[in-house]
């Protein structure tokens, strides 16, 4: 499993740039980010090679931050690359409640970040399809 950084923010101009400035100033690389809008507020879900340090930097700036466990699965960066994982999850009768992806190496490797009711089972299904969970990025 992997640690994802979630930041609860007011949905206003400048909030994204403030977070990017804080993390960039601390030399923390954002590998993937998802912005989930919920009206007045939103959640930024950030994948970085240094989730604990990102949590520290954002918390020190008085932001509401959480670390959430996710399954981060390496897939091929090619058309149909997600299909192998999707079929494995379907065969294991596992539901995906939230997900996003990012390219790790163009034309070769990508990461698919998955949330569901049973992260261990999601990782096991990925392994059964010949895919590897990512434990750390960097």
C-alpha atoms as a PDB file:
ATOM      1  CA  UNK A   1       0.000   0.000   0.000  1.00  0.00           C
ATOM      2  CA  UNK A   2       0.981   3.597  -0.504  1.00  0.00           C
ATOM      3  CA  UNK A   3       0.345   6.785   1.460  1.00  0.00           C
ATOM      4  CA  UNK A   4      -1.645   9.443  -0.358  1.00  0.00           C
ATOM      5  CA  UNK A   5      -1.760  12.982   1.017  1.00  0.00           C
ATOM      6  CA  UNK A   6      -5.245  14.497   1.170  1.00  0.00           C
ATOM      7  CA  UNK A   7      -5.686  18.232   1.748  1.00  0.00           C
ATOM      8  CA  UNK A   8      -9.065  19.759   2.621  1.00  0.00           C
ATOM      9  CA  UNK A   9      -9.272  23.239   1.104  1.00  0.00           C
ATOM     10  CA  UNK A  10     -11.769  25.990   0.509  1.00  0.00           C
ATOM     11  CA  UNK A  11     -12.786  26.098  -3.147  1.00  0.00           C
ATOM     12  CA  UNK A  12     -11.310  29.522  -3.996  1.00  0.00           C
ATOM     13  CA  UNK A  13      -8.798  30.873  -6.512  1.00  0.00           C
ATOM     14  CA  UNK A  14      -5.202  30.623  -5.306  1.00  0.00           C
ATOM     15  CA  UNK A  15      -5.574  27.564  -3.079  1.00  0.00           C
ATOM     16  CA  UNK A  16      -3.964  25.195  -5.595  1.00  0.00           C
ATOM     17  CA  UNK A  17      -1.079  27.586  -6.246  1.00  0.00           C
ATOM     18  CA  UNK A  18      -0.522  27.984  -2.488  1.00  0.00           C
ATOM     19  CA  UNK A  19      -0.191  24.220  -2.034  1.00  0.00           C
ATOM     20  CA  UNK A  20       2.050  23.941  -5.087  1.00  0.00           C
ATOM     21  CA  UNK A  21       4.214  26.774  -3.716  1.00  0.00           C
ATOM     22  CA  UNK A  22       4.526  25.118  -0.284  1.00  0.00           C
ATOM     23  CA  UNK A  23       5.473  21.744  -1.691  1.00  0.00           C
ATOM     24  CA  UNK A  24       7.744  23.208  -4.377  1.00  0.00           C
ATOM     25  CA  UNK A  25       9.483  25.387  -1.797  1.00  0.00           C
ATOM     26  CA  UNK A  26      10.185  22.253   0.235  1.00  0.00           C
ATOM     27  CA  UNK A  27      11.444  20.528  -2.946  1.00  0.00           C
ATOM     28  CA  UNK A  28       8.695  17.898  -2.754  1.00  0.00           C
ATOM     29  CA  UNK A  29       7.799  16.611  -6.198  1.00  0.00           C
ATOM     30  CA  UNK A  30       4.109  16.115  -6.988  1.00  0.00           C
ATOM     31  CA  UNK A  31       3.813  12.925  -9.039  1.00  0.00           C
ATOM     32  CA  UNK A  32       0.035  12.965  -9.407  1.00  0.00           C
ATOM     33  CA  UNK A  33      -2.791  15.121  -8.137  1.00  0.00           C
ATOM     34  CA  UNK A  34      -6.553  14.860  -8.202  1.00  0.00           C
ATOM     35  CA  UNK A  35      -8.865  17.726  -7.326  1.00  0.00           C
ATOM     36  CA  UNK A  36     -12.277  16.675  -6.040  1.00  0.00           C
ATOM     37  CA  UNK A  37     -14.815  19.505  -5.869  1.00  0.00           C
ATOM     38  CA  UNK A  38     -17.616  19.412  -3.336  1.00  0.00           C
ATOM     39  CA  UNK A  39     -19.129  22.866  -3.682  1.00  0.00           C
ATOM     40  CA  UNK A  40     -17.573  25.335  -1.243  1.00  0.00           C
ATOM     41  CA  UNK A  41     -14.762  22.950  -0.328  1.00  0.00           C
ATOM     42  CA  UNK A  42     -12.643  20.396  -2.073  1.00  0.00           C
ATOM     43  CA  UNK A  43     -10.055  17.719  -1.470  1.00  0.00           C
ATOM     44  CA  UNK A  44      -6.699  17.616  -3.174  1.00  0.00           C
ATOM     45  CA  UNK A  45      -5.337  14.071  -3.338  1.00  0.00           C
ATOM     46  CA  UNK A  46      -1.600  14.149  -3.868  1.00  0.00           C
ATOM     47  CA  UNK A  47       0.807  11.369  -4.741  1.00  0.00           C
ATOM     48  CA  UNK A  48       4.414  12.204  -3.932  1.00  0.00           C
ATOM     49  CA  UNK A  49       7.575  10.253  -3.195  1.00  0.00           C
ATOM     50  CA  UNK A  50       7.639  11.951   0.230  1.00  0.00           C
ATOM     51  CA  UNK A  51       4.111  11.752   1.662  1.00  0.00           C
ATOM     52  CA  UNK A  52       5.170  12.105   5.306  1.00  0.00           C
ATOM     53  CA  UNK A  53       7.245  15.212   4.603  1.00  0.00           C
ATOM     54  CA  UNK A  54       4.418  16.669   2.477  1.00  0.00           C
ATOM     55  CA  UNK A  55       2.059  16.117   5.414  1.00  0.00           C
ATOM     56  CA  UNK A  56       4.497  17.954   7.722  1.00  0.00           C
ATOM     57  CA  UNK A  57       4.909  20.927   5.348  1.00  0.00           C
ATOM     58  CA  UNK A  58       1.178  21.343   4.744  1.00  0.00           C
ATOM     59  CA  UNK A  59       0.244  20.824   8.399  1.00  0.00           C
ATOM     60  CA  UNK A  60       2.821  23.442   9.443  1.00  0.00           C
ATOM     61  CA  UNK A  61       0.964  25.860   7.132  1.00  0.00           C
ATOM     62  CA  UNK A  62      -2.221  25.240   9.168  1.00  0.00           C
ATOM     63  CA  UNK A  63      -3.876  23.165   6.467  1.00  0.00           C
ATOM     64  CA  UNK A  64      -6.144  20.218   7.213  1.00  0.00           C
ATOM     65  CA  UNK A  65      -4.144  17.244   5.939  1.00  0.00           C
ATOM     66  CA  UNK A  66      -4.575  13.480   6.169  1.00  0.00           C
ATOM     67  CA  UNK A  67      -2.605  10.470   5.074  1.00  0.00           C
ATOM     68  CA  UNK A  68      -4.779   7.839   3.408  1.00  0.00           C
ATOM     69  CA  UNK A  69      -3.755   4.323   2.443  1.00  0.00           C
ATOM     70  CA  UNK A  70      -4.310   3.511  -1.228  1.00  0.00           C
ATOM     71  CA  UNK A  71      -3.342   0.710  -3.547  1.00  0.00           C
ATOM     72  CA  UNK A  72      -0.898   2.018  -6.130  1.00  0.00           C
ATOM     73  CA  UNK A  73      -0.512  -0.471  -8.959  1.00  0.00           C
ATOM     74  CA  UNK A  74       2.062  -0.310 -11.742  1.00  0.00           C
ATOM     75  CA  UNK A  75       0.544  -0.849 -15.182  1.00  0.00           C
ATOM     76  CA  UNK A  76       1.916  -0.520 -18.697  1.00  0.00           C
ATOM     77  CA  UNK A  77       1.681   2.926 -20.286  1.00  0.00           C
ATOM     78  CA  UNK A  78       0.028   1.830 -23.510  1.00  0.00           C
ATOM     79  CA  UNK A  79      -3.469   1.637 -24.953  1.00  0.00           C
ATOM     80  CA  UNK A  80      -5.299  -1.045 -22.976  1.00  0.00           C
ATOM     81  CA  UNK A  81      -2.742  -0.958 -20.146  1.00  0.00           C
ATOM     82  CA  UNK A  82      -5.472  -0.520 -17.544  1.00  0.00           C
ATOM     83  CA  UNK A  83      -7.521  -3.453 -18.869  1.00  0.00           C
ATOM     84  CA  UNK A  84      -5.410  -6.152 -17.191  1.00  0.00           C
ATOM     85  CA  UNK A  85      -5.967  -4.587 -13.771  1.00  0.00           C
ATOM     86  CA  UNK A  86      -9.637  -3.806 -14.414  1.00  0.00           C
ATOM     87  CA  UNK A  87     -10.322  -7.407 -15.445  1.00  0.00           C
ATOM     88  CA  UNK A  88      -8.480  -8.731 -12.361  1.00  0.00           C
ATOM     89  CA  UNK A  89     -10.569  -6.520 -10.085  1.00  0.00           C
ATOM     90  CA  UNK A  90     -13.743  -7.606 -11.850  1.00  0.00           C
ATOM     91  CA  UNK A  91     -12.824 -11.306 -11.553  1.00  0.00           C
ATOM     92  CA  UNK A  92     -12.219 -10.833  -7.814  1.00  0.00           C
ATOM     93  CA  UNK A  93     -15.554  -8.966  -7.504  1.00  0.00           C
ATOM     94  CA  UNK A  94     -13.798  -5.878  -6.118  1.00  0.00           C
ATOM     95  CA  UNK A  95     -15.345  -2.436  -6.386  1.00  0.00           C
ATOM     96  CA  UNK A  96     -13.304   0.705  -7.031  1.00  0.00           C
ATOM     97  CA  UNK A  97     -14.582   3.696  -5.056  1.00  0.00           C
ATOM     98  CA  UNK A  98     -12.005   6.239  -6.226  1.00  0.00           C
ATOM     99  CA  UNK A  99      -9.082   6.165  -8.640  1.00  0.00           C
ATOM    100  CA  UNK A 100      -6.695   8.206 -10.752  1.00  0.00           C
ATOM    101  CA  UNK A 101      -3.535   7.537 -12.675  1.00  0.00           C
ATOM    102  CA  UNK A 102      -0.263   9.037 -13.760  1.00  0.00           C
ATOM    103  CA  UNK A 103       2.535   8.192 -16.160  1.00  0.00           C
ATOM    104  CA  UNK A 104       5.802   7.178 -14.526  1.00  0.00           C
ATOM    105  CA  UNK A 105       7.783   6.596 -17.712  1.00  0.00           C
ATOM    106  CA  UNK A 106       6.162   7.556 -21.033  1.00  0.00           C
ATOM    107  CA  UNK A 107       5.433   4.538 -23.202  1.00  0.00           C
ATOM    108  CA  UNK A 108       6.545   2.123 -20.489  1.00  0.00           C
ATOM    109  CA  UNK A 109       5.161   2.500 -16.962  1.00  0.00           C
ATOM    110  CA  UNK A 110       2.180   4.133 -15.322  1.00  0.00           C
ATOM    111  CA  UNK A 111       0.666   4.064 -11.850  1.00  0.00           C
ATOM    112  CA  UNK A 112      -3.006   3.563 -11.135  1.00  0.00           C
ATOM    113  CA  UNK A 113      -4.040   4.718  -7.665  1.00  0.00           C
ATOM    114  CA  UNK A 114      -7.064   2.811  -6.373  1.00  0.00           C
ATOM    115  CA  UNK A 115      -9.326   3.062  -3.345  1.00  0.00           C
ATOM    116  CA  UNK A 116     -11.826   0.409  -2.439  1.00  0.00           C
ATOM    117  CA  UNK A 117     -13.264  -1.509   0.482  1.00  0.00           C
ATOM    118  CA  UNK A 118     -10.360  -3.980   0.666  1.00  0.00           C
ATOM    119  CA  UNK A 119      -6.941  -2.667  -0.382  1.00  0.00           C
ATOM    120  CA  UNK A 120      -5.210  -5.964   0.424  1.00  0.00           C
ATOM    121  CA  UNK A 121      -7.563  -7.802  -1.920  1.00  0.00           C
ATOM    122  CA  UNK A 122      -7.023  -5.174  -4.629  1.00  0.00           C
ATOM    123  CA  UNK A 123      -3.261  -5.677  -4.392  1.00  0.00           C
ATOM    124  CA  UNK A 124      -3.688  -9.474  -4.384  1.00  0.00           C
ATOM    125  CA  UNK A 125      -5.872  -9.287  -7.505  1.00  0.00           C
ATOM    126  CA  UNK A 126      -3.230  -7.127  -9.208  1.00  0.00           C
ATOM    127  CA  UNK A 127      -0.495  -9.645  -8.325  1.00  0.00           C
ATOM    128  CA  UNK A 128      -2.628 -12.500  -9.665  1.00  0.00           C
ATOM    129  CA  UNK A 129      -2.745 -10.639 -13.004  1.00  0.00           C
ATOM    130  CA  UNK A 130       1.047 -10.260 -13.030  1.00  0.00           C
ATOM    131  CA  UNK A 131       0.985  -6.602 -11.928  1.00  0.00           C
ATOM    132  CA  UNK A 132       2.954  -5.168  -9.020  1.00  0.00           C
ATOM    133  CA  UNK A 133       1.776  -2.868  -6.238  1.00  0.00           C
ATOM    134  CA  UNK A 134       4.094   0.087  -5.782  1.00  0.00           C
ATOM    135  CA  UNK A 135       5.398   0.473  -2.235  1.00  0.00           C
ATOM    136  CA  UNK A 136       7.454   3.617  -2.820  1.00  0.00           C
ATOM    137  CA  UNK A 137       8.093   6.132  -5.556  1.00  0.00           C
ATOM    138  CA  UNK A 138      11.237   8.106  -5.930  1.00  0.00           C
END
